[in-house]
C-alpha atoms as a PDB file:
ATOM      1  CA  UNK A   1     -96.577 -29.501  51.508  1.00  0.00           C
ATOM      2  CA  UNK A   2     -97.450 -32.475  49.309  1.00  0.00           C
ATOM      3  CA  UNK A   3    -100.369 -30.530  47.826  1.00  0.00           C
ATOM      4  CA  UNK A   4     -98.040 -27.598  47.137  1.00  0.00           C
ATOM      5  CA  UNK A   5     -95.683 -29.925  45.255  1.00  0.00           C
ATOM      6  CA  UNK A   6     -98.574 -31.323  43.229  1.00  0.00           C
ATOM      7  CA  UNK A   7     -99.838 -27.852  42.390  1.00  0.00           C
ATOM      8  CA  UNK A   8     -96.418 -26.809  41.142  1.00  0.00           C
ATOM      9  CA  UNK A   9     -95.991 -29.965  39.084  1.00  0.00           C
ATOM     10  CA  UNK A  10     -99.445 -29.343  37.589  1.00  0.00           C
ATOM     11  CA  UNK A  11     -98.551 -25.743  36.733  1.00  0.00           C
ATOM     12  CA  UNK A  12     -95.274 -26.770  35.123  1.00  0.00           C
ATOM     13  CA  UNK A  13     -97.015 -29.456  33.098  1.00  0.00           C
ATOM     14  CA  UNK A  14     -99.749 -27.057  32.000  1.00  0.00           C
ATOM     15  CA  UNK A  15     -97.068 -24.574  30.922  1.00  0.00           C
ATOM     16  CA  UNK A  16     -95.149 -27.251  29.046  1.00  0.00           C
ATOM     17  CA  UNK A  17     -98.228 -28.562  27.240  1.00  0.00           C
ATOM     18  CA  UNK A  18     -99.308 -25.025  26.412  1.00  0.00           C
ATOM     19  CA  UNK A  19     -95.834 -24.372  24.966  1.00  0.00           C
ATOM     20  CA  UNK A  20     -96.048 -27.527  22.850  1.00  0.00           C
ATOM     21  CA  UNK A  21     -99.525 -26.560  21.635  1.00  0.00           C
ATOM     22  CA  UNK A  22     -98.424 -23.037  20.700  1.00  0.00           C
ATOM     23  CA  UNK A  23     -95.388 -24.306  18.833  1.00  0.00           C
ATOM     24  CA  UNK A  24     -97.543 -26.829  16.971  1.00  0.00           C
ATOM     25  CA  UNK A  25     -99.980 -24.124  15.869  1.00  0.00           C
ATOM     26  CA  UNK A  26     -97.234 -21.691  14.870  1.00  0.00           C
ATOM     27  CA  UNK A  27     -95.194 -24.369  13.065  1.00  0.00           C
ATOM     28  CA  UNK A  28     -97.989 -24.791  10.528  1.00  0.00           C
ATOM     29  CA  UNK A  29     -97.228 -21.244   9.315  1.00  0.00           C
ATOM     30  CA  UNK A  30     -93.414 -21.367   9.300  1.00  0.00           C
ATOM     31  CA  UNK A  31     -91.660 -21.070   5.933  1.00  0.00           C
ATOM     32  CA  UNK A  32     -88.104 -20.513   7.229  1.00  0.00           C
ATOM     33  CA  UNK A  33     -86.383 -23.907   7.561  1.00  0.00           C
ATOM     34  CA  UNK A  34     -83.928 -22.674  10.199  1.00  0.00           C
ATOM     35  CA  UNK A  35     -86.778 -21.303  12.312  1.00  0.00           C
ATOM     36  CA  UNK A  36     -88.655 -24.582  11.872  1.00  0.00           C
ATOM     37  CA  UNK A  37     -85.635 -26.475  13.244  1.00  0.00           C
ATOM     38  CA  UNK A  38     -85.462 -24.094  16.209  1.00  0.00           C
ATOM     39  CA  UNK A  39     -89.151 -24.683  16.928  1.00  0.00           C
ATOM     40  CA  UNK A  40     -88.695 -28.448  16.712  1.00  0.00           C
ATOM     41  CA  UNK A  41     -85.883 -28.208  19.261  1.00  0.00           C
ATOM     42  CA  UNK A  42     -87.974 -25.975  21.544  1.00  0.00           C
ATOM     43  CA  UNK A  43     -90.917 -28.371  21.268  1.00  0.00           C
ATOM     44  CA  UNK A  44     -88.688 -31.253  22.361  1.00  0.00           C
ATOM     45  CA  UNK A  45     -87.484 -29.256  25.382  1.00  0.00           C
ATOM     46  CA  UNK A  46     -91.084 -28.712  26.486  1.00  0.00           C
ATOM     47  CA  UNK A  47     -91.808 -32.402  25.902  1.00  0.00           C
ATOM     48  CA  UNK A  48     -88.812 -33.384  28.030  1.00  0.00           C
ATOM     49  CA  UNK A  49     -90.028 -31.194  30.913  1.00  0.00           C
ATOM     50  CA  UNK A  50     -93.507 -32.710  30.624  1.00  0.00           C
ATOM     51  CA  UNK A  51     -92.021 -36.228  30.677  1.00  0.00           C
ATOM     52  CA  UNK A  52     -90.020 -35.374  33.798  1.00  0.00           C
ATOM     53  CA  UNK A  53     -93.165 -34.066  35.500  1.00  0.00           C
ATOM     54  CA  UNK A  54     -95.031 -37.245  34.584  1.00  0.00           C
ATOM     55  CA  UNK A  55     -92.260 -39.422  36.040  1.00  0.00           C
ATOM     56  CA  UNK A  56     -92.142 -37.455  39.287  1.00  0.00           C
ATOM     57  CA  UNK A  57     -95.896 -37.037  39.626  1.00  0.00           C
ATOM     58  CA  UNK A  58     -96.350 -40.650  40.705  1.00  0.00           C
ATOM     59  CA  UNK A  59     -94.412 -39.849  43.893  1.00  0.00           C
ATOM     60  CA  UNK A  60     -97.130 -37.376  44.929  1.00  0.00           C
ATOM     61  CA  UNK A  61    -100.375 -38.678  43.439  1.00  0.00           C
ATOM     62  CA  UNK A  62    -102.015 -41.614  41.702  1.00  0.00           C
ATOM     63  CA  UNK A  63    -103.658 -39.256  39.204  1.00  0.00           C
ATOM     64  CA  UNK A  64    -102.340 -37.795  35.972  1.00  0.00           C
ATOM     65  CA  UNK A  65    -100.805 -34.300  35.923  1.00  0.00           C
ATOM     66  CA  UNK A  66    -103.040 -31.519  34.654  1.00  0.00           C
ATOM     67  CA  UNK A  67    -102.618 -30.397  31.077  1.00  0.00           C
ATOM     68  CA  UNK A  68    -104.146 -27.505  29.199  1.00  0.00           C
ATOM     69  CA  UNK A  69    -107.871 -27.951  28.781  1.00  0.00           C
ATOM     70  CA  UNK A  70    -109.659 -27.981  25.449  1.00  0.00           C
ATOM     71  CA  UNK A  71    -110.863 -24.392  25.809  1.00  0.00           C
ATOM     72  CA  UNK A  72    -107.303 -23.125  26.349  1.00  0.00           C
ATOM     73  CA  UNK A  73    -106.119 -25.101  23.324  1.00  0.00           C
ATOM     74  CA  UNK A  74    -108.886 -23.630  21.175  1.00  0.00           C
ATOM     75  CA  UNK A  75    -108.164 -20.103  22.431  1.00  0.00           C
ATOM     76  CA  UNK A  76    -104.444 -20.517  21.759  1.00  0.00           C
ATOM     77  CA  UNK A  77    -105.103 -21.812  18.254  1.00  0.00           C
ATOM     78  CA  UNK A  78    -107.609 -19.028  17.583  1.00  0.00           C
ATOM     79  CA  UNK A  79    -105.219 -16.393  18.916  1.00  0.00           C
ATOM     80  CA  UNK A  80    -102.441 -17.606  16.610  1.00  0.00           C
ATOM     81  CA  UNK A  81    -104.806 -17.587  13.639  1.00  0.00           C
ATOM     82  CA  UNK A  82    -106.102 -14.078  14.339  1.00  0.00           C
ATOM     83  CA  UNK A  83    -102.726 -12.523  15.137  1.00  0.00           C
ATOM     84  CA  UNK A  84    -101.142 -13.930  11.999  1.00  0.00           C
ATOM     85  CA  UNK A  85    -103.980 -13.207   9.593  1.00  0.00           C
ATOM     86  CA  UNK A  86    -102.252 -10.191   8.064  1.00  0.00           C
ATOM     87  CA  UNK A  87     -98.663 -10.979   9.079  1.00  0.00           C
ATOM     88  CA  UNK A  88     -97.339 -14.523   9.333  1.00  0.00           C
ATOM     89  CA  UNK A  89     -93.694 -13.570   8.947  1.00  0.00           C
ATOM     90  CA  UNK A  90     -91.014 -15.336  10.934  1.00  0.00           C
ATOM     91  CA  UNK A  91     -90.626 -12.165  12.985  1.00  0.00           C
ATOM     92  CA  UNK A  92     -94.317 -12.118  13.908  1.00  0.00           C
ATOM     93  CA  UNK A  93     -94.358 -15.829  14.762  1.00  0.00           C
ATOM     94  CA  UNK A  94     -91.289 -15.389  16.940  1.00  0.00           C
ATOM     95  CA  UNK A  95     -92.921 -12.432  18.672  1.00  0.00           C
ATOM     96  CA  UNK A  96     -96.063 -14.439  19.455  1.00  0.00           C
ATOM     97  CA  UNK A  97     -94.061 -17.288  20.930  1.00  0.00           C
ATOM     98  CA  UNK A  98     -91.966 -14.866  22.970  1.00  0.00           C
ATOM     99  CA  UNK A  99     -95.085 -13.286  24.453  1.00  0.00           C
ATOM    100  CA  UNK A 100     -96.375 -16.652  25.629  1.00  0.00           C
ATOM    101  CA  UNK A 101     -92.971 -17.723  26.868  1.00  0.00           C
ATOM    102  CA  UNK A 102     -92.577 -14.507  28.854  1.00  0.00           C
ATOM    103  CA  UNK A 103     -95.884 -15.209  30.607  1.00  0.00           C
ATOM    104  CA  UNK A 104     -94.546 -18.645  31.507  1.00  0.00           C
ATOM    105  CA  UNK A 105     -91.329 -17.152  32.861  1.00  0.00           C
ATOM    106  CA  UNK A 106     -93.259 -14.718  35.050  1.00  0.00           C
ATOM    107  CA  UNK A 107     -95.477 -17.468  36.462  1.00  0.00           C
ATOM    108  CA  UNK A 108     -92.504 -19.763  37.006  1.00  0.00           C
ATOM    109  CA  UNK A 109     -90.466 -17.103  38.795  1.00  0.00           C
ATOM    110  CA  UNK A 110     -93.455 -16.330  41.034  1.00  0.00           C
ATOM    111  CA  UNK A 111     -93.763 -20.003  41.912  1.00  0.00           C
ATOM    112  CA  UNK A 112     -90.058 -20.186  42.723  1.00  0.00           C
ATOM    113  CA  UNK A 113     -90.153 -17.030  44.845  1.00  0.00           C
ATOM    114  CA  UNK A 114     -93.321 -17.865  46.782  1.00  0.00           C
ATOM    115  CA  UNK A 115     -92.791 -21.590  47.401  1.00  0.00           C
ATOM    116  CA  UNK A 116     -89.536 -21.962  49.254  1.00  0.00           C
ATOM    117  CA  UNK A 117     -90.511 -25.154  51.110  1.00  0.00           C
ATOM    118  CA  UNK A 118     -91.144 -27.407  48.134  1.00  0.00           C
ATOM    119  CA  UNK A 119     -89.349 -30.689  47.619  1.00  0.00           C
ATOM    120  CA  UNK A 120     -85.928 -30.491  46.011  1.00  0.00           C
ATOM    121  CA  UNK A 121     -86.894 -32.559  42.953  1.00  0.00           C
ATOM    122  CA  UNK A 122     -89.976 -30.383  42.312  1.00  0.00           C
ATOM    123  CA  UNK A 123     -87.930 -27.220  42.683  1.00  0.00           C
ATOM    124  CA  UNK A 124     -85.359 -28.587  40.216  1.00  0.00           C
ATOM    125  CA  UNK A 125     -87.987 -29.209  37.531  1.00  0.00           C
ATOM    126  CA  UNK A 126     -89.563 -25.806  38.115  1.00  0.00           C
ATOM    127  CA  UNK A 127     -86.196 -24.068  37.927  1.00  0.00           C
ATOM    128  CA  UNK A 128     -85.170 -26.036  34.824  1.00  0.00           C
ATOM    129  CA  UNK A 129     -88.482 -25.089  33.189  1.00  0.00           C
ATOM    130  CA  UNK A 130     -87.984 -21.387  33.876  1.00  0.00           C
ATOM    131  CA  UNK A 131     -84.359 -21.410  32.716  1.00  0.00           C
ATOM    132  CA  UNK A 132     -85.357 -23.335  29.575  1.00  0.00           C
ATOM    133  CA  UNK A 133     -87.975 -20.681  28.800  1.00  0.00           C
ATOM    134  CA  UNK A 134     -85.501 -17.872  29.434  1.00  0.00           C
ATOM    135  CA  UNK A 135     -83.102 -19.554  26.994  1.00  0.00           C
ATOM    136  CA  UNK A 136     -85.956 -19.896  24.497  1.00  0.00           C
ATOM    137  CA  UNK A 137     -86.611 -16.158  24.609  1.00  0.00           C
ATOM    138  CA  UNK A 138     -82.958 -15.499  23.818  1.00  0.00           C
ATOM    139  CA  UNK A 139     -83.131 -17.913  20.888  1.00  0.00           C
ATOM    140  CA  UNK A 140     -86.398 -16.443  19.573  1.00  0.00           C
ATOM    141  CA  UNK A 141     -85.047 -12.874  19.761  1.00  0.00           C
ATOM    142  CA  UNK A 142     -82.770 -13.679  16.835  1.00  0.00           C
ATOM    143  CA  UNK A 143     -85.835 -14.126  14.620  1.00  0.00           C
ATOM    144  CA  UNK A 144     -87.583 -10.843  15.426  1.00  0.00           C
END
């Protein structure tokens, strides 16, 4: 079960770091100040989840939690660049972030549904991460 808890913490941390990376890449293109503030808030929510994972991780391992690897970061950056080459409107940027966030929600819900015997504190972080992403989608919808 300990390995299962570690795997889930790793997945949550990878999702959180991927969310922070995506927001960083998209933020470079944002011209709408209100949208920029929303993205700053969303970034901080991902950072808070990552910090919580890091604090809890020591209970299960003496290693560091997994983050997104360099190749994933490059692919995310490249994807943002390519998909916004002809349209970098707030609507398009919101759409891109929603697509990534929806993938995170799906993965998180699968982890919740298929790992019923995980530790309570791990389940809490996982659930908080999924709910935070679901709230993010609702916030981003306003900018479509």
